[in-house]
Amino acid sequence: MTYRVCFVCTGNICRSPIAESVFRARVEEAGLDTLVEIDSAGTGDWHEGENADPRARSVLEEHGYALDHRARRFESSWFAGLDLVIALDLGHLKALRHLAPTEEDAAKVRLLRSYDPAAGDDLDVPDPYYGGRDGFQECLEMVEEASTGLLAAVREDVEGRMA
């Protein structure tokens, strides 16, 4: 049984594609790529069909991450097929929980940085879109830091299902 994770940001061209790429690499390194499926989407449709922002692609490539991506909008019907929906900031968390058809589905939505013990109370990954390349680098670093804890949680869920 495949475990499905979807990362969600605003337009699906900056933060969520970065998170998708980083987490896919972590899952592959852990040998879980046949058991865990990773995807991403946006809360809006402004960039539907577009590739990730060139700055996001550049930062990912510079750090050895692969990305094959086309932006799309998150649909409430997807909740049924997902195990975990990872929001990149509090606004996304609220929007996704509002979209959730059931309380069980709303409980699937978590903030990415909640998996990073060093994040403290600041759980948002800031939107780098309106800034320079440095914001994309900062986003990547935050995603990498949170991915360790997220991988541990997903591994635990996957192993629990297999037991």
C-alpha atoms as a PDB file:
ATOM      1  CA  MET A   1       0.000   0.000   0.000  1.00  0.00           C
ATOM      2  CA  THR A   2       1.518   3.314  -1.115  1.00  0.00           C
ATOM      3  CA  TYR A   3       1.821   6.177   1.376  1.00  0.00           C
ATOM      4  CA  ARG A   4       1.030   9.503  -0.317  1.00  0.00           C
ATOM      5  CA  VAL A   5       2.336  12.949   0.671  1.00  0.00           C
ATOM      6  CA  CYS A   6       1.444  16.241  -1.044  1.00  0.00           C
ATOM      7  CA  PHE A   7       3.232  19.540  -0.333  1.00  0.00           C
ATOM      8  CA  VAL A   8       1.130  22.676  -0.799  1.00  0.00           C
ATOM      9  CA  CYS A   9       2.052  26.354  -1.141  1.00  0.00           C
ATOM     10  CA  THR A  10       0.342  29.262  -2.910  1.00  0.00           C
ATOM     11  CA  GLY A  11       1.018  28.882  -6.633  1.00  0.00           C
ATOM     12  CA  ASN A  12       3.004  25.628  -6.701  1.00  0.00           C
ATOM     13  CA  ILE A  13       6.062  27.191  -8.332  1.00  0.00           C
ATOM     14  CA  CYS A  14       8.370  28.010  -5.376  1.00  0.00           C
ATOM     15  CA  ARG A  15       8.077  26.421  -1.952  1.00  0.00           C
ATOM     16  CA  SER A  16       6.081  23.261  -2.625  1.00  0.00           C
ATOM     17  CA  PRO A  17       8.177  22.138  -5.631  1.00  0.00           C
ATOM     18  CA  ILE A  18      11.317  22.679  -3.538  1.00  0.00           C
ATOM     19  CA  ALA A  19       9.794  20.593  -0.726  1.00  0.00           C
ATOM     20  CA  GLU A  20       8.665  17.919  -3.181  1.00  0.00           C
ATOM     21  CA  SER A  21      12.183  17.612  -4.656  1.00  0.00           C
ATOM     22  CA  VAL A  22      13.995  17.555  -1.334  1.00  0.00           C
ATOM     23  CA  PHE A  23      11.626  15.074   0.261  1.00  0.00           C
ATOM     24  CA  ARG A  24      11.662  12.800  -2.793  1.00  0.00           C
ATOM     25  CA  ALA A  25      15.461  12.671  -2.523  1.00  0.00           C
ATOM     26  CA  ARG A  26      15.251  11.888   1.208  1.00  0.00           C
ATOM     27  CA  VAL A  27      12.715   9.125   0.599  1.00  0.00           C
ATOM     28  CA  GLU A  28      14.926   7.623  -2.129  1.00  0.00           C
ATOM     29  CA  GLU A  29      18.023   7.790   0.121  1.00  0.00           C
ATOM     30  CA  ALA A  30      16.033   5.977   2.824  1.00  0.00           C
ATOM     31  CA  GLY A  31      15.038   3.226   0.375  1.00  0.00           C
ATOM     32  CA  LEU A  32      11.345   4.025   0.744  1.00  0.00           C
ATOM     33  CA  ASP A  33      10.709   5.213  -2.823  1.00  0.00           C
ATOM     34  CA  THR A  34       8.661   2.122  -3.704  1.00  0.00           C
ATOM     35  CA  LEU A  35       6.417   2.748  -0.679  1.00  0.00           C
ATOM     36  CA  VAL A  36       6.064   6.552  -0.589  1.00  0.00           C
ATOM     37  CA  GLU A  37       4.697   8.798  -3.349  1.00  0.00           C
ATOM     38  CA  ILE A  38       5.439  12.539  -3.226  1.00  0.00           C
ATOM     39  CA  ASP A  39       3.625  15.335  -5.048  1.00  0.00           C
ATOM     40  CA  SER A  40       2.909  19.051  -4.740  1.00  0.00           C
ATOM     41  CA  ALA A  41       0.204  21.577  -5.557  1.00  0.00           C
ATOM     42  CA  GLY A  42      -0.891  25.147  -4.876  1.00  0.00           C
ATOM     43  CA  THR A  43      -3.904  26.647  -3.160  1.00  0.00           C
ATOM     44  CA  GLY A  44      -4.486  28.794  -6.263  1.00  0.00           C
ATOM     45  CA  ASP A  45      -4.438  28.272 -10.009  1.00  0.00           C
ATOM     46  CA  TRP A  46      -2.396  31.331 -11.061  1.00  0.00           C
ATOM     47  CA  HIS A  47       0.504  29.268 -12.431  1.00  0.00           C
ATOM     48  CA  GLU A  48      -1.276  26.076 -13.464  1.00  0.00           C
ATOM     49  CA  GLY A  49       0.719  24.184 -16.092  1.00  0.00           C
ATOM     50  CA  GLU A  50       3.888  26.238 -15.555  1.00  0.00           C
ATOM     51  CA  ASN A  51       7.283  24.930 -14.543  1.00  0.00           C
ATOM     52  CA  ALA A  52       8.738  25.891 -11.167  1.00  0.00           C
ATOM     53  CA  ASP A  53      10.172  29.398 -10.803  1.00  0.00           C
ATOM     54  CA  PRO A  54      13.635  29.581 -12.451  1.00  0.00           C
ATOM     55  CA  ARG A  55      15.184  30.633  -9.121  1.00  0.00           C
ATOM     56  CA  ALA A  56      13.730  27.548  -7.421  1.00  0.00           C
ATOM     57  CA  ARG A  57      15.030  25.312 -10.208  1.00  0.00           C
ATOM     58  CA  SER A  58      18.468  26.945 -10.020  1.00  0.00           C
ATOM     59  CA  VAL A  59      18.787  26.498  -6.246  1.00  0.00           C
ATOM     60  CA  LEU A  60      17.627  22.885  -6.486  1.00  0.00           C
ATOM     61  CA  GLU A  61      20.054  22.068  -9.304  1.00  0.00           C
ATOM     62  CA  GLU A  62      22.919  23.747  -7.446  1.00  0.00           C
ATOM     63  CA  HIS A  63      22.298  21.400  -4.512  1.00  0.00           C
ATOM     64  CA  GLY A  64      21.877  18.249  -6.606  1.00  0.00           C
ATOM     65  CA  TYR A  65      18.092  17.901  -6.498  1.00  0.00           C
ATOM     66  CA  ALA A  66      16.064  16.810  -9.517  1.00  0.00           C
ATOM     67  CA  LEU A  67      12.740  18.396 -10.437  1.00  0.00           C
ATOM     68  CA  ASP A  68      10.221  17.406 -13.079  1.00  0.00           C
ATOM     69  CA  HIS A  69       7.291  19.696 -12.370  1.00  0.00           C
ATOM     70  CA  ARG A  70       4.139  21.345 -13.682  1.00  0.00           C
ATOM     71  CA  ALA A  71       2.146  23.566 -11.326  1.00  0.00           C
ATOM     72  CA  ARG A  72      -1.406  22.601 -10.434  1.00  0.00           C
ATOM     73  CA  ARG A  73      -4.098  23.502  -7.961  1.00  0.00           C
ATOM     74  CA  PHE A  74      -4.940  21.324  -4.974  1.00  0.00           C
ATOM     75  CA  GLU A  75      -8.441  19.836  -5.185  1.00  0.00           C
ATOM     76  CA  SER A  76     -10.476  18.792  -2.144  1.00  0.00           C
ATOM     77  CA  SER A  77     -11.226  15.446  -3.812  1.00  0.00           C
ATOM     78  CA  TRP A  78      -7.535  14.543  -3.446  1.00  0.00           C
ATOM     79  CA  PHE A  79      -7.830  14.161   0.324  1.00  0.00           C
ATOM     80  CA  ALA A  80      -9.271  10.666  -0.084  1.00  0.00           C
ATOM     81  CA  GLY A  81      -6.081   9.443  -1.749  1.00  0.00           C
ATOM     82  CA  LEU A  82      -3.577  11.233   0.488  1.00  0.00           C
ATOM     83  CA  ASP A  83      -2.106  10.248   3.818  1.00  0.00           C
ATOM     84  CA  LEU A  84      -0.422  13.548   4.599  1.00  0.00           C
ATOM     85  CA  VAL A  85      -0.891  17.081   3.237  1.00  0.00           C
ATOM     86  CA  ILE A  86       2.022  19.338   4.105  1.00  0.00           C
ATOM     87  CA  ALA A  87       1.339  23.082   4.198  1.00  0.00           C
ATOM     88  CA  LEU A  88       4.246  25.496   3.817  1.00  0.00           C
ATOM     89  CA  ASP A  89       2.711  28.265   5.935  1.00  0.00           C
ATOM     90  CA  LEU A  90      -0.190  28.972   8.273  1.00  0.00           C
ATOM     91  CA  GLY A  91      -2.315  30.497   5.491  1.00  0.00           C
ATOM     92  CA  HIS A  92      -2.034  27.287   3.477  1.00  0.00           C
ATOM     93  CA  LEU A  93      -2.819  25.225   6.569  1.00  0.00           C
ATOM     94  CA  LYS A  94      -6.052  27.165   7.137  1.00  0.00           C
ATOM     95  CA  ALA A  95      -7.047  27.049   3.456  1.00  0.00           C
ATOM     96  CA  LEU A  96      -6.443  23.310   3.232  1.00  0.00           C
ATOM     97  CA  ARG A  97      -8.306  22.506   6.429  1.00  0.00           C
ATOM     98  CA  HIS A  98     -11.207  24.601   5.117  1.00  0.00           C
ATOM     99  CA  LEU A  99     -11.173  22.553   1.883  1.00  0.00           C
ATOM    100  CA  ALA A 100     -11.114  19.226   3.739  1.00  0.00           C
ATOM    101  CA  PRO A 101     -14.381  17.322   3.288  1.00  0.00           C
ATOM    102  CA  THR A 102     -14.156  15.668   6.727  1.00  0.00           C
ATOM    103  CA  GLU A 103     -12.480  16.223  10.094  1.00  0.00           C
ATOM    104  CA  GLU A 104     -10.362  13.138   9.374  1.00  0.00           C
ATOM    105  CA  ASP A 105      -9.134  14.798   6.175  1.00  0.00           C
ATOM    106  CA  ALA A 106      -8.441  18.085   7.981  1.00  0.00           C
ATOM    107  CA  ALA A 107      -6.272  16.149  10.458  1.00  0.00           C
ATOM    108  CA  LYS A 108      -4.037  15.063   7.554  1.00  0.00           C
ATOM    109  CA  VAL A 109      -2.882  18.672   7.082  1.00  0.00           C
ATOM    110  CA  ARG A 110       0.331  19.617   8.892  1.00  0.00           C
ATOM    111  CA  LEU A 111       2.846  22.439   8.709  1.00  0.00           C
ATOM    112  CA  LEU A 112       6.205  21.358   7.294  1.00  0.00           C
ATOM    113  CA  ARG A 113       8.277  23.175   9.889  1.00  0.00           C
ATOM    114  CA  SER A 114       6.359  21.456  12.698  1.00  0.00           C
ATOM    115  CA  TYR A 115       8.717  18.545  11.918  1.00  0.00           C
ATOM    116  CA  ASP A 116      11.778  20.707  12.712  1.00  0.00           C
ATOM    117  CA  PRO A 117      12.364  20.923  16.484  1.00  0.00           C
ATOM    118  CA  ALA A 118      14.713  23.898  15.960  1.00  0.00           C
ATOM    119  CA  ALA A 119      11.943  25.943  14.272  1.00  0.00           C
ATOM    120  CA  GLY A 120      10.428  26.988  17.598  1.00  0.00           C
ATOM    121  CA  ASP A 121       7.212  28.971  17.191  1.00  0.00           C
ATOM    122  CA  ASP A 122       8.035  30.250  13.682  1.00  0.00           C
ATOM    123  CA  LEU A 123       6.527  27.500  11.553  1.00  0.00           C
ATOM    124  CA  ASP A 124       6.071  29.370   8.267  1.00  0.00           C
ATOM    125  CA  VAL A 125       8.407  28.907   5.312  1.00  0.00           C
ATOM    126  CA  PRO A 126       8.463  32.489   3.942  1.00  0.00           C
ATOM    127  CA  ASP A 127       7.384  32.990   0.325  1.00  0.00           C
ATOM    128  CA  PRO A 128      10.538  33.802  -1.693  1.00  0.00           C
ATOM    129  CA  TYR A 129       8.652  34.773  -4.872  1.00  0.00           C
ATOM    130  CA  TYR A 130       8.878  38.567  -4.509  1.00  0.00           C
ATOM    131  CA  GLY A 131      12.503  38.628  -3.376  1.00  0.00           C
ATOM    132  CA  GLY A 132      15.862  37.587  -4.710  1.00  0.00           C
ATOM    133  CA  ARG A 133      17.592  34.256  -5.042  1.00  0.00           C
ATOM    134  CA  ASP A 134      18.646  34.354  -1.368  1.00  0.00           C
ATOM    135  CA  GLY A 135      15.031  33.742  -0.341  1.00  0.00           C
ATOM    136  CA  PHE A 136      14.983  30.546  -2.374  1.00  0.00           C
ATOM    137  CA  GLN A 137      18.204  29.404  -0.717  1.00  0.00           C
ATOM    138  CA  GLU A 138      16.677  30.118   2.704  1.00  0.00           C
ATOM    139  CA  CYS A 139      13.541  28.198   1.696  1.00  0.00           C
ATOM    140  CA  LEU A 140      15.652  25.212   0.647  1.00  0.00           C
ATOM    141  CA  GLU A 141      17.514  25.234   3.959  1.00  0.00           C
ATOM    142  CA  MET A 142      14.256  25.334   5.968  1.00  0.00           C
ATOM    143  CA  VAL A 143      12.821  22.494   3.892  1.00  0.00           C
ATOM    144  CA  GLU A 144      15.958  20.386   4.328  1.00  0.00           C
ATOM    145  CA  GLU A 145      15.937  20.918   8.089  1.00  0.00           C
ATOM    146  CA  ALA A 146      12.274  19.914   8.416  1.00  0.00           C
ATOM    147  CA  SER A 147      12.588  16.949   6.052  1.00  0.00           C
ATOM    148  CA  THR A 148      14.577  14.906   8.559  1.00  0.00           C
ATOM    149  CA  GLY A 149      11.718  14.923  11.070  1.00  0.00           C
ATOM    150  CA  LEU A 150       9.105  14.467   8.360  1.00  0.00           C
ATOM    151  CA  LEU A 151      10.955  11.440   6.999  1.00  0.00           C
ATOM    152  CA  ALA A 152      11.077   9.911  10.480  1.00  0.00           C
ATOM    153  CA  ALA A 153       7.314  10.403  10.891  1.00  0.00           C
ATOM    154  CA  VAL A 154       6.512   8.985   7.447  1.00  0.00           C
ATOM    155  CA  ARG A 155       8.838   6.010   8.005  1.00  0.00           C
ATOM    156  CA  GLU A 156       7.059   5.282  11.307  1.00  0.00           C
ATOM    157  CA  ASP A 157       3.640   5.421   9.605  1.00  0.00           C
ATOM    158  CA  VAL A 158       4.778   3.218   6.715  1.00  0.00           C
ATOM    159  CA  GLU A 159       6.380   0.645   9.026  1.00  0.00           C
ATOM    160  CA  GLY A 160       3.272   0.680  11.221  1.00  0.00           C
ATOM    161  CA  ARG A 161       1.131  -0.228   8.238  1.00  0.00           C
ATOM    162  CA  MET A 162       3.457  -3.052   7.279  1.00  0.00           C
ATOM    163  CA  ALA A 163       3.492  -4.579  10.770  1.00  0.00           C
END
